[in-house]
N, C-alpha and C. Protein backbone atom coordinates (compact mmCIF):
# COMPACT_ATOMS: atom_id res chain seq x y z
N MET A 1 -31.98 -13.99 5.59
CA MET A 1 -30.60 -13.83 5.28
C MET A 1 -30.35 -13.09 3.95
N LYS A 2 -31.12 -13.52 2.96
CA LYS A 2 -31.06 -12.83 1.69
C LYS A 2 -31.46 -11.35 1.79
N THR A 3 -32.50 -11.12 2.55
CA THR A 3 -32.95 -9.78 2.71
C THR A 3 -31.85 -8.91 3.28
N LEU A 4 -31.12 -9.42 4.33
CA LEU A 4 -30.09 -8.62 4.89
C LEU A 4 -28.98 -8.34 3.90
N THR A 5 -28.69 -9.40 3.11
CA THR A 5 -27.60 -9.21 2.06
C THR A 5 -27.91 -8.16 1.06
N ARG A 6 -29.19 -8.13 0.64
CA ARG A 6 -29.68 -7.13 -0.23
C ARG A 6 -29.62 -5.71 0.34
N GLN A 7 -29.97 -5.63 1.58
CA GLN A 7 -29.94 -4.29 2.22
C GLN A 7 -28.61 -3.77 2.39
N LYS A 8 -27.59 -4.72 2.62
CA LYS A 8 -26.22 -4.28 2.77
C LYS A 8 -25.64 -3.85 1.34
N ALA A 9 -26.12 -4.52 0.29
CA ALA A 9 -25.58 -4.22 -1.01
C ALA A 9 -26.03 -2.94 -1.63
N ARG A 10 -27.23 -2.53 -1.18
CA ARG A 10 -27.76 -1.29 -1.79
C ARG A 10 -26.91 -0.05 -1.57
N PRO A 11 -26.43 0.28 -0.34
CA PRO A 11 -25.58 1.42 -0.16
C PRO A 11 -24.36 1.43 -1.10
N GLN A 12 -23.69 0.24 -1.12
CA GLN A 12 -22.45 0.12 -1.96
C GLN A 12 -22.87 0.43 -3.47
N ALA A 13 -23.89 -0.20 -3.92
CA ALA A 13 -24.37 0.01 -5.34
C ALA A 13 -24.67 1.46 -5.49
N GLY A 14 -25.35 2.13 -4.52
CA GLY A 14 -25.69 3.50 -4.66
C GLY A 14 -24.42 4.42 -4.75
N PHE A 15 -23.43 4.05 -3.99
CA PHE A 15 -22.18 4.83 -4.01
C PHE A 15 -21.54 4.68 -5.35
N GLU A 16 -21.45 3.48 -5.87
CA GLU A 16 -20.86 3.25 -7.16
C GLU A 16 -21.53 4.00 -8.30
N GLU A 17 -22.90 3.94 -8.26
CA GLU A 17 -23.67 4.67 -9.28
C GLU A 17 -23.50 6.15 -9.16
N GLU A 18 -23.37 6.66 -7.99
CA GLU A 18 -23.13 8.11 -7.77
C GLU A 18 -21.71 8.44 -8.23
N TYR A 19 -20.78 7.65 -7.99
CA TYR A 19 -19.45 7.87 -8.49
C TYR A 19 -19.35 7.90 -9.97
N GLN A 20 -20.00 6.93 -10.62
CA GLN A 20 -20.01 6.90 -12.11
C GLN A 20 -20.73 8.09 -12.66
N SER A 21 -21.84 8.52 -12.07
CA SER A 21 -22.57 9.67 -12.51
C SER A 21 -21.79 10.93 -12.43
N CYS A 22 -21.08 11.12 -11.27
CA CYS A 22 -20.31 12.35 -11.06
C CYS A 22 -19.11 12.35 -12.04
N LEU A 23 -18.50 11.23 -12.23
CA LEU A 23 -17.40 11.10 -13.18
C LEU A 23 -17.87 11.44 -14.56
N HIS A 24 -18.94 10.89 -14.99
CA HIS A 24 -19.48 11.16 -16.34
C HIS A 24 -19.77 12.69 -16.46
N GLN A 25 -20.34 13.29 -15.47
CA GLN A 25 -20.62 14.74 -15.53
C GLN A 25 -19.34 15.59 -15.65
N TYR A 26 -18.32 15.12 -14.93
CA TYR A 26 -17.04 15.97 -15.02
C TYR A 26 -16.42 15.81 -16.38
N VAL A 27 -16.43 14.52 -16.88
CA VAL A 27 -15.87 14.31 -18.24
C VAL A 27 -16.63 15.02 -19.35
N ALA A 28 -17.87 15.17 -19.06
CA ALA A 28 -18.79 15.84 -20.11
C ALA A 28 -18.70 17.35 -19.98
N GLY A 29 -17.82 17.91 -19.07
CA GLY A 29 -17.65 19.30 -18.97
C GLY A 29 -18.38 19.87 -17.73
N GLY A 30 -18.49 19.08 -16.72
CA GLY A 30 -19.16 19.49 -15.54
C GLY A 30 -18.39 20.59 -14.73
N GLY A 31 -17.06 20.72 -14.97
CA GLY A 31 -16.27 21.73 -14.35
C GLY A 31 -16.06 21.54 -12.87
N GLU A 32 -15.87 22.79 -12.19
CA GLU A 32 -15.53 22.72 -10.74
C GLU A 32 -16.56 22.15 -9.93
N LEU A 33 -17.87 22.34 -10.27
CA LEU A 33 -18.98 21.77 -9.45
C LEU A 33 -18.83 20.27 -9.42
N ALA A 34 -18.65 19.61 -10.56
CA ALA A 34 -18.48 18.15 -10.58
C ALA A 34 -17.23 17.68 -9.83
N LEU A 35 -16.17 18.52 -9.95
CA LEU A 35 -14.92 18.17 -9.25
C LEU A 35 -15.11 18.29 -7.77
N GLY A 36 -15.90 19.23 -7.38
CA GLY A 36 -16.21 19.43 -5.95
C GLY A 36 -16.97 18.17 -5.37
N ARG A 37 -17.85 17.65 -6.22
CA ARG A 37 -18.55 16.38 -5.82
C ARG A 37 -17.60 15.32 -5.70
N ALA A 38 -16.52 15.25 -6.44
CA ALA A 38 -15.54 14.16 -6.34
C ALA A 38 -14.88 14.24 -4.95
N TYR A 39 -14.62 15.44 -4.54
CA TYR A 39 -13.94 15.66 -3.15
C TYR A 39 -14.97 15.15 -2.08
N ASP A 40 -16.23 15.51 -2.26
CA ASP A 40 -17.25 15.08 -1.26
C ASP A 40 -17.38 13.51 -1.26
N LEU A 41 -17.31 12.94 -2.44
CA LEU A 41 -17.34 11.47 -2.52
C LEU A 41 -16.12 10.84 -1.78
N GLY A 42 -15.03 11.46 -1.95
CA GLY A 42 -13.81 10.98 -1.31
C GLY A 42 -13.94 11.03 0.28
N ARG A 43 -14.45 12.16 0.70
CA ARG A 43 -14.68 12.24 2.21
C ARG A 43 -15.68 11.21 2.69
N ARG A 44 -16.73 10.98 1.85
CA ARG A 44 -17.74 9.98 2.24
C ARG A 44 -17.16 8.60 2.28
N ALA A 45 -16.29 8.27 1.26
CA ALA A 45 -15.63 6.98 1.18
C ALA A 45 -14.68 6.80 2.36
N LEU A 46 -14.03 7.85 2.75
CA LEU A 46 -13.10 7.73 3.90
C LEU A 46 -13.88 7.44 5.16
N ALA A 47 -15.04 8.11 5.32
CA ALA A 47 -15.84 7.97 6.50
C ALA A 47 -16.41 6.53 6.58
N GLU A 48 -16.71 6.03 5.42
CA GLU A 48 -17.27 4.62 5.32
C GLU A 48 -16.17 3.58 5.32
N ARG A 49 -14.93 4.03 5.50
CA ARG A 49 -13.78 3.12 5.63
C ARG A 49 -13.56 2.33 4.36
N LYS A 50 -13.75 2.92 3.17
CA LYS A 50 -13.40 2.24 2.01
C LYS A 50 -11.94 2.39 1.74
N SER A 51 -11.26 1.29 1.33
CA SER A 51 -9.81 1.34 1.18
C SER A 51 -9.44 1.97 -0.14
N LEU A 52 -8.17 2.30 -0.33
CA LEU A 52 -7.70 2.85 -1.57
C LEU A 52 -7.85 1.77 -2.74
N VAL A 53 -7.72 0.49 -2.35
CA VAL A 53 -7.98 -0.54 -3.35
C VAL A 53 -9.39 -0.57 -3.77
N ASP A 54 -10.32 -0.34 -2.79
CA ASP A 54 -11.76 -0.25 -3.14
C ASP A 54 -12.05 0.88 -4.10
N MET A 55 -11.34 2.01 -3.81
CA MET A 55 -11.61 3.24 -4.64
C MET A 55 -11.01 3.04 -6.11
N ALA A 56 -9.87 2.35 -6.16
CA ALA A 56 -9.23 2.09 -7.38
C ALA A 56 -10.12 1.20 -8.22
N SER A 57 -10.66 0.12 -7.63
CA SER A 57 -11.52 -0.78 -8.31
C SER A 57 -12.83 -0.08 -8.81
N LEU A 58 -13.33 0.73 -7.93
CA LEU A 58 -14.60 1.50 -8.30
C LEU A 58 -14.27 2.46 -9.53
N HIS A 59 -13.17 3.10 -9.41
CA HIS A 59 -12.83 4.06 -10.47
C HIS A 59 -12.59 3.29 -11.79
N HIS A 60 -11.92 2.14 -11.66
CA HIS A 60 -11.66 1.31 -12.92
C HIS A 60 -13.01 0.97 -13.55
N GLN A 61 -13.96 0.52 -12.77
CA GLN A 61 -15.30 0.17 -13.32
C GLN A 61 -15.96 1.37 -14.01
N ALA A 62 -15.85 2.49 -13.33
CA ALA A 62 -16.47 3.69 -13.89
C ALA A 62 -15.84 4.12 -15.16
N VAL A 63 -14.47 3.99 -15.27
CA VAL A 63 -13.79 4.37 -16.55
C VAL A 63 -14.18 3.33 -17.63
N LEU A 64 -14.27 2.05 -17.25
CA LEU A 64 -14.65 1.07 -18.22
C LEU A 64 -16.03 1.42 -18.87
N ALA A 65 -16.97 1.86 -18.00
CA ALA A 65 -18.31 2.26 -18.52
C ALA A 65 -18.19 3.40 -19.44
N LEU A 66 -17.30 4.31 -19.18
CA LEU A 66 -17.05 5.49 -20.12
C LEU A 66 -16.47 4.96 -21.46
N VAL A 67 -15.57 4.06 -21.32
CA VAL A 67 -14.90 3.54 -22.53
C VAL A 67 -15.87 2.89 -23.49
N ARG A 68 -16.81 2.15 -22.88
CA ARG A 68 -17.89 1.53 -23.71
C ARG A 68 -18.72 2.50 -24.50
N ARG A 69 -18.87 3.70 -23.81
CA ARG A 69 -19.78 4.66 -24.41
C ARG A 69 -18.97 5.58 -25.46
N ALA A 70 -17.64 5.53 -25.36
CA ALA A 70 -16.81 6.40 -26.11
C ALA A 70 -16.90 6.08 -27.55
N GLU A 71 -16.72 7.08 -28.42
CA GLU A 71 -16.77 6.91 -29.88
C GLU A 71 -15.42 7.26 -30.46
N GLY A 72 -14.59 6.21 -30.59
CA GLY A 72 -13.26 6.40 -31.29
C GLY A 72 -12.21 6.75 -30.26
N GLU A 73 -10.88 6.69 -30.74
CA GLU A 73 -9.74 6.89 -29.90
C GLU A 73 -9.64 8.39 -29.55
N ALA A 74 -10.00 9.22 -30.42
CA ALA A 74 -9.90 10.67 -30.18
C ALA A 74 -10.77 11.06 -28.92
N ARG A 75 -11.89 10.48 -28.80
CA ARG A 75 -12.72 10.72 -27.64
C ARG A 75 -12.08 10.20 -26.33
N LEU A 76 -11.42 8.98 -26.48
CA LEU A 76 -10.77 8.36 -25.30
C LEU A 76 -9.67 9.27 -24.83
N ALA A 77 -8.83 9.74 -25.76
CA ALA A 77 -7.66 10.66 -25.42
C ALA A 77 -8.19 11.96 -24.79
N GLU A 78 -9.40 12.34 -25.11
CA GLU A 78 -9.93 13.63 -24.51
C GLU A 78 -10.41 13.39 -23.14
N PHE A 79 -11.01 12.29 -22.79
CA PHE A 79 -11.61 12.16 -21.46
C PHE A 79 -10.72 11.48 -20.42
N LEU A 80 -9.77 10.62 -20.82
CA LEU A 80 -8.96 9.97 -19.87
C LEU A 80 -8.17 10.79 -18.94
N PRO A 81 -7.57 11.97 -19.42
CA PRO A 81 -6.94 12.86 -18.39
C PRO A 81 -7.96 13.37 -17.36
N ALA A 82 -9.17 13.66 -17.83
CA ALA A 82 -10.18 14.17 -16.91
C ALA A 82 -10.57 13.11 -15.88
N THR A 83 -10.50 11.85 -16.25
CA THR A 83 -10.83 10.81 -15.29
C THR A 83 -9.73 10.73 -14.22
N ALA A 84 -8.48 10.96 -14.65
CA ALA A 84 -7.42 11.00 -13.69
C ALA A 84 -7.54 12.14 -12.71
N GLU A 85 -7.85 13.28 -13.19
CA GLU A 85 -8.11 14.45 -12.31
C GLU A 85 -9.19 14.17 -11.30
N PHE A 86 -10.29 13.59 -11.81
CA PHE A 86 -11.39 13.25 -10.92
C PHE A 86 -11.00 12.26 -9.79
N LEU A 87 -10.21 11.30 -10.15
CA LEU A 87 -9.76 10.35 -9.14
C LEU A 87 -8.84 11.00 -8.13
N ALA A 88 -7.91 11.85 -8.66
CA ALA A 88 -6.98 12.60 -7.77
C ALA A 88 -7.70 13.41 -6.74
N GLU A 89 -8.78 14.12 -7.20
CA GLU A 89 -9.62 14.98 -6.33
C GLU A 89 -10.37 14.13 -5.29
N CYS A 90 -10.82 12.98 -5.77
CA CYS A 90 -11.61 12.07 -4.90
C CYS A 90 -10.69 11.55 -3.80
N LEU A 91 -9.42 11.27 -4.08
CA LEU A 91 -8.54 10.65 -3.14
C LEU A 91 -7.75 11.67 -2.26
N SER A 92 -8.02 13.04 -2.54
CA SER A 92 -7.30 14.03 -1.74
C SER A 92 -7.69 13.98 -0.26
N PRO A 93 -8.94 13.59 0.16
CA PRO A 93 -9.15 13.41 1.55
C PRO A 93 -8.32 12.32 2.19
N TYR A 94 -8.00 11.32 1.40
CA TYR A 94 -7.15 10.25 1.90
C TYR A 94 -5.76 10.81 2.17
N GLU A 95 -5.27 11.60 1.21
CA GLU A 95 -3.97 12.25 1.36
C GLU A 95 -3.88 13.15 2.62
N MET A 96 -4.95 13.93 2.79
CA MET A 96 -4.99 14.84 3.95
C MET A 96 -5.05 14.04 5.22
N ALA A 97 -5.77 12.86 5.22
CA ALA A 97 -5.80 12.07 6.47
C ALA A 97 -4.49 11.36 6.76
N HIS A 98 -3.78 11.04 5.67
CA HIS A 98 -2.46 10.45 5.80
C HIS A 98 -1.49 11.48 6.42
N ARG A 99 -1.50 12.73 5.91
CA ARG A 99 -0.66 13.78 6.44
C ARG A 99 -0.98 13.99 7.94
N GLY A 100 -2.33 14.04 8.20
CA GLY A 100 -2.70 14.31 9.58
C GLY A 100 -2.15 13.19 10.49
N PHE A 101 -2.18 12.00 9.98
CA PHE A 101 -1.67 10.82 10.75
C PHE A 101 -0.21 11.03 11.03
N GLN A 102 0.57 11.39 9.92
CA GLN A 102 1.94 11.57 10.08
C GLN A 102 2.35 12.68 11.07
N GLU A 103 1.55 13.75 11.05
CA GLU A 103 1.74 14.87 11.97
C GLU A 103 1.49 14.41 13.47
N ALA A 104 0.40 13.64 13.65
CA ALA A 104 0.05 13.13 14.92
C ALA A 104 1.16 12.17 15.49
N VAL A 105 1.72 11.35 14.61
CA VAL A 105 2.81 10.43 14.99
C VAL A 105 3.99 11.15 15.36
N ASN A 106 4.34 12.24 14.63
CA ASN A 106 5.58 13.01 14.94
C ASN A 106 5.33 13.71 16.22
N ALA A 107 4.12 14.22 16.51
CA ALA A 107 3.79 14.93 17.78
C ALA A 107 4.00 13.95 18.96
N LEU A 108 3.45 12.75 18.75
CA LEU A 108 3.54 11.73 19.81
C LEU A 108 5.00 11.29 20.12
N ARG A 109 5.77 11.26 18.96
CA ARG A 109 7.15 10.84 19.08
C ARG A 109 7.96 11.93 19.90
N GLN A 110 7.67 13.19 19.59
CA GLN A 110 8.29 14.27 20.30
C GLN A 110 7.85 14.26 21.82
N LEU A 111 6.57 14.07 22.05
CA LEU A 111 6.08 13.97 23.44
C LEU A 111 6.77 12.80 24.19
N ASN A 112 6.88 11.67 23.46
CA ASN A 112 7.52 10.52 24.09
C ASN A 112 9.03 10.76 24.47
N GLU A 113 9.74 11.50 23.56
CA GLU A 113 11.10 11.81 23.74
C GLU A 113 11.20 12.74 25.01
N THR A 114 10.31 13.74 25.09
CA THR A 114 10.27 14.65 26.28
C THR A 114 9.99 13.92 27.52
N LEU A 115 9.01 12.97 27.51
CA LEU A 115 8.74 12.23 28.72
C LEU A 115 9.95 11.33 29.12
N GLU A 116 10.58 10.77 28.11
CA GLU A 116 11.70 9.91 28.38
C GLU A 116 12.86 10.74 29.07
N GLU A 117 13.07 11.92 28.58
CA GLU A 117 14.10 12.77 29.17
C GLU A 117 13.73 13.13 30.62
N GLU A 118 12.46 13.46 30.85
CA GLU A 118 12.05 13.80 32.15
C GLU A 118 12.10 12.64 33.17
N ILE A 119 11.79 11.43 32.64
CA ILE A 119 11.88 10.25 33.43
C ILE A 119 13.41 9.92 33.82
N LYS A 120 14.30 10.15 32.88
CA LYS A 120 15.71 9.99 33.09
C LYS A 120 16.22 10.98 34.18
N ARG A 121 15.71 12.23 34.08
CA ARG A 121 16.08 13.22 35.05
C ARG A 121 15.71 12.87 36.48
N ILE A 122 14.33 12.42 36.54
CA ILE A 122 13.87 12.02 37.83
C ILE A 122 14.56 10.75 38.46
N ALA A 123 14.84 9.80 37.51
CA ALA A 123 15.51 8.67 38.01
C ALA A 123 16.91 8.95 38.42
N TYR A 124 17.62 9.86 37.73
CA TYR A 124 18.93 10.34 38.16
C TYR A 124 18.87 11.05 39.58
N ALA A 125 17.78 11.85 39.72
CA ALA A 125 17.73 12.59 41.00
C ALA A 125 17.44 11.62 42.13
N VAL A 126 16.63 10.66 41.90
CA VAL A 126 16.32 9.67 42.99
C VAL A 126 17.53 8.74 43.30
N HIS A 127 18.24 8.32 42.16
CA HIS A 127 19.26 7.40 42.37
C HIS A 127 20.58 8.06 42.89
N ASP A 128 20.97 9.15 42.20
CA ASP A 128 22.22 9.78 42.53
C ASP A 128 22.13 10.80 43.61
N GLU A 129 21.34 11.81 43.38
CA GLU A 129 21.27 12.98 44.33
C GLU A 129 20.74 12.51 45.66
N ALA A 130 19.65 11.75 45.71
CA ALA A 130 19.14 11.25 47.07
C ALA A 130 20.14 10.29 47.69
N GLY A 131 20.79 9.42 46.82
CA GLY A 131 21.78 8.53 47.32
C GLY A 131 22.91 9.20 47.99
N GLN A 132 23.40 10.32 47.39
CA GLN A 132 24.49 11.10 48.00
C GLN A 132 24.07 11.71 49.33
N LEU A 133 22.86 12.19 49.37
CA LEU A 133 22.36 12.72 50.62
C LEU A 133 22.37 11.70 51.77
N LEU A 134 21.94 10.51 51.39
CA LEU A 134 21.84 9.41 52.38
C LEU A 134 23.26 8.98 52.86
N VAL A 135 24.20 8.98 51.95
CA VAL A 135 25.56 8.70 52.38
C VAL A 135 26.04 9.77 53.38
N ALA A 136 25.78 11.03 53.10
CA ALA A 136 26.13 12.09 53.96
C ALA A 136 25.48 11.95 55.34
N VAL A 137 24.20 11.49 55.32
CA VAL A 137 23.45 11.33 56.62
C VAL A 137 24.11 10.10 57.39
N HIS A 138 24.46 9.02 56.69
CA HIS A 138 25.12 7.90 57.30
C HIS A 138 26.36 8.33 58.00
N LEU A 139 27.21 9.12 57.28
CA LEU A 139 28.52 9.58 57.79
C LEU A 139 28.32 10.46 59.02
N ALA A 140 27.32 11.38 58.96
CA ALA A 140 27.03 12.26 60.07
C ALA A 140 26.62 11.42 61.33
N LEU A 141 25.76 10.47 61.05
CA LEU A 141 25.25 9.62 62.21
C LEU A 141 26.38 8.87 62.86
N ALA A 142 27.26 8.33 61.96
CA ALA A 142 28.36 7.48 62.50
C ALA A 142 29.24 8.35 63.36
N GLU A 143 29.47 9.65 62.92
CA GLU A 143 30.31 10.54 63.73
C GLU A 143 29.66 10.88 65.05
N VAL A 144 28.33 11.14 65.03
CA VAL A 144 27.68 11.43 66.23
C VAL A 144 27.67 10.30 67.23
N ALA A 145 27.50 9.08 66.67
CA ALA A 145 27.35 7.86 67.44
C ALA A 145 28.65 7.50 68.14
N LEU A 146 29.83 7.99 67.71
CA LEU A 146 31.11 7.57 68.33
C LEU A 146 31.19 7.99 69.81
N GLY A 147 30.64 9.20 70.10
CA GLY A 147 30.81 9.63 71.48
C GLY A 147 29.64 9.34 72.39
N LEU A 148 28.74 8.44 71.97
CA LEU A 148 27.54 8.23 72.75
C LEU A 148 27.64 6.91 73.58
N PRO A 149 26.86 6.86 74.61
CA PRO A 149 26.85 5.60 75.40
C PRO A 149 26.26 4.44 74.58
N GLU A 150 26.50 3.22 75.07
CA GLU A 150 26.02 2.04 74.48
C GLU A 150 24.54 1.98 74.14
N PRO A 151 23.60 2.33 75.11
CA PRO A 151 22.18 2.29 74.84
C PRO A 151 21.75 3.21 73.64
N GLN A 152 22.38 4.41 73.62
CA GLN A 152 22.05 5.33 72.54
C GLN A 152 22.58 4.87 71.22
N GLN A 153 23.72 4.19 71.22
CA GLN A 153 24.34 3.69 69.97
C GLN A 153 23.38 2.64 69.40
N ALA A 154 22.68 1.88 70.21
CA ALA A 154 21.75 0.92 69.70
C ALA A 154 20.60 1.57 68.99
N GLN A 155 20.18 2.76 69.54
CA GLN A 155 19.18 3.50 68.89
C GLN A 155 19.57 3.99 67.50
N PHE A 156 20.87 4.44 67.42
CA PHE A 156 21.42 4.90 66.17
C PHE A 156 21.50 3.73 65.15
N SER A 157 21.76 2.51 65.62
CA SER A 157 21.80 1.39 64.77
C SER A 157 20.41 1.20 64.10
N ARG A 158 19.34 1.30 64.91
CA ARG A 158 17.97 1.17 64.36
C ARG A 158 17.76 2.22 63.30
N ILE A 159 18.19 3.53 63.60
CA ILE A 159 18.00 4.59 62.66
C ILE A 159 18.78 4.22 61.35
N LYS A 160 20.01 3.69 61.54
CA LYS A 160 20.81 3.31 60.34
C LYS A 160 20.11 2.25 59.52
N GLU A 161 19.45 1.26 60.18
CA GLU A 161 18.69 0.20 59.47
C GLU A 161 17.53 0.83 58.69
N MET A 162 16.89 1.78 59.29
CA MET A 162 15.71 2.48 58.62
C MET A 162 16.31 3.23 57.40
N LEU A 163 17.39 3.89 57.50
CA LEU A 163 17.97 4.58 56.39
C LEU A 163 18.41 3.64 55.27
N ASN A 164 18.92 2.44 55.68
CA ASN A 164 19.19 1.38 54.66
C ASN A 164 17.96 1.06 53.92
N GLU A 165 16.85 0.90 54.64
CA GLU A 165 15.55 0.51 53.97
C GLU A 165 15.09 1.67 52.97
N VAL A 166 15.23 2.90 53.44
CA VAL A 166 14.97 4.01 52.53
C VAL A 166 15.82 3.98 51.27
N GLU A 167 17.08 3.64 51.41
CA GLU A 167 17.98 3.54 50.35
C GLU A 167 17.62 2.43 49.36
N LYS A 168 17.18 1.30 49.96
CA LYS A 168 16.65 0.21 49.06
C LYS A 168 15.44 0.63 48.23
N HIS A 169 14.52 1.32 48.94
CA HIS A 169 13.29 1.79 48.20
C HIS A 169 13.62 2.77 47.15
N LEU A 170 14.52 3.66 47.39
CA LEU A 170 14.94 4.70 46.33
C LEU A 170 15.59 3.97 45.20
N ARG A 171 16.43 3.02 45.48
CA ARG A 171 17.15 2.29 44.35
C ARG A 171 16.08 1.56 43.53
N ARG A 172 15.10 0.92 44.15
CA ARG A 172 14.05 0.18 43.49
C ARG A 172 13.23 1.15 42.62
N TYR A 173 12.80 2.36 43.24
CA TYR A 173 12.06 3.29 42.50
C TYR A 173 12.83 3.86 41.21
N SER A 174 14.10 4.05 41.39
CA SER A 174 14.89 4.56 40.24
C SER A 174 14.90 3.62 39.13
N HIS A 175 15.02 2.26 39.46
CA HIS A 175 14.99 1.20 38.45
C HIS A 175 13.56 1.07 37.82
N GLU A 176 12.54 1.19 38.61
CA GLU A 176 11.23 1.17 38.06
C GLU A 176 10.88 2.34 37.10
N LEU A 177 11.48 3.52 37.43
CA LEU A 177 11.27 4.72 36.57
C LEU A 177 11.94 4.46 35.30
N ARG A 178 13.15 3.83 35.26
CA ARG A 178 13.82 3.74 34.02
C ARG A 178 14.57 2.36 33.97
N PRO A 179 13.74 1.31 33.80
CA PRO A 179 14.43 -0.09 33.69
C PRO A 179 15.31 -0.10 32.40
N THR A 180 16.36 -0.80 32.51
CA THR A 180 17.35 -0.94 31.36
C THR A 180 16.72 -1.47 30.11
N ILE A 181 15.74 -2.43 30.31
CA ILE A 181 15.14 -3.08 29.13
C ILE A 181 14.36 -2.07 28.26
N LEU A 182 13.77 -1.03 28.92
CA LEU A 182 13.12 0.01 28.16
C LEU A 182 14.05 0.78 27.22
N ASP A 183 15.23 1.00 27.66
CA ASP A 183 16.29 1.71 26.84
C ASP A 183 16.45 0.84 25.61
N ASP A 184 16.67 -0.51 25.78
CA ASP A 184 16.92 -1.31 24.72
C ASP A 184 15.67 -1.40 23.76
N LEU A 185 14.50 -1.54 24.32
CA LEU A 185 13.29 -1.66 23.50
C LEU A 185 13.09 -0.28 22.71
N GLY A 186 13.31 0.82 23.44
CA GLY A 186 13.09 2.09 22.84
C GLY A 186 14.00 2.33 21.57
N GLU A 187 15.24 1.78 21.72
CA GLU A 187 16.14 1.98 20.56
C GLU A 187 15.75 1.05 19.45
N GLN A 188 15.32 -0.14 19.75
CA GLN A 188 14.79 -1.11 18.67
C GLN A 188 13.55 -0.50 17.98
N ALA A 189 12.73 0.07 18.81
CA ALA A 189 11.48 0.68 18.21
C ALA A 189 11.78 1.71 17.29
N ARG A 190 12.78 2.62 17.73
CA ARG A 190 13.12 3.75 16.83
C ARG A 190 13.73 3.26 15.54
N LEU A 191 14.59 2.25 15.59
CA LEU A 191 15.22 1.66 14.42
C LEU A 191 14.10 1.01 13.51
N GLY A 192 13.22 0.30 14.12
CA GLY A 192 12.08 -0.35 13.43
C GLY A 192 11.21 0.65 12.73
N ASN A 193 10.82 1.72 13.44
CA ASN A 193 9.83 2.69 12.98
C ASN A 193 10.43 3.52 11.82
N SER A 194 11.76 3.64 11.74
CA SER A 194 12.36 4.38 10.60
C SER A 194 12.08 3.77 9.28
N HIS A 195 11.79 2.48 9.24
CA HIS A 195 11.42 1.82 7.99
C HIS A 195 9.92 1.63 7.76
N HIS A 196 9.16 2.11 8.72
CA HIS A 196 7.68 1.99 8.52
C HIS A 196 7.13 3.09 7.65
N PRO A 197 6.34 2.81 6.64
CA PRO A 197 5.87 3.79 5.70
C PRO A 197 5.10 4.95 6.29
N PHE A 198 4.46 4.77 7.45
CA PHE A 198 3.66 5.72 8.08
C PHE A 198 4.48 6.55 9.10
N LEU A 199 5.63 5.90 9.62
CA LEU A 199 6.40 6.55 10.60
C LEU A 199 7.73 7.04 10.15
N ALA A 200 7.99 6.94 8.85
CA ALA A 200 9.34 7.35 8.35
C ALA A 200 9.43 8.88 8.34
């Protein structure tokens, strides 16, 4: 068990050491090359699912190590802005991922709205347009049945019953396509999502 714990701790320790090393290089005048390594570290941290709190804690430890080595307040004032630049560059992959997430959410929301409109249109066509056609068929059959003998009128009654069944099925399908509760839930979801930090 101890062996497993040590094996898991090594990659984390290695990442912390690499972060401190890169930060020290940038503060010492490493320039764009060291700043580029900050971005690479950020991408790696994101891939390893390190949280922003993890990164803030890691950066804090690295800055403390620099403070212990610093000689006087003048030196501190010189390198502290550089540490902020390094952290900002390291966190830029997180910012890009967040923007990508927001764009994906917006795209999904638009797709959902399009699908909802299409469902409404189909439900309307099934319920209203098909219903009107069935009413017209009922009226036409009733008119034809008036001048027919009794045996054939019985056949028309069976046809009318079948049409009534078709009407019931169409009514059920239209409600299944657009149940009223979904309208209520959709509105609540939209109101709730407007306050969500990622969906605002």
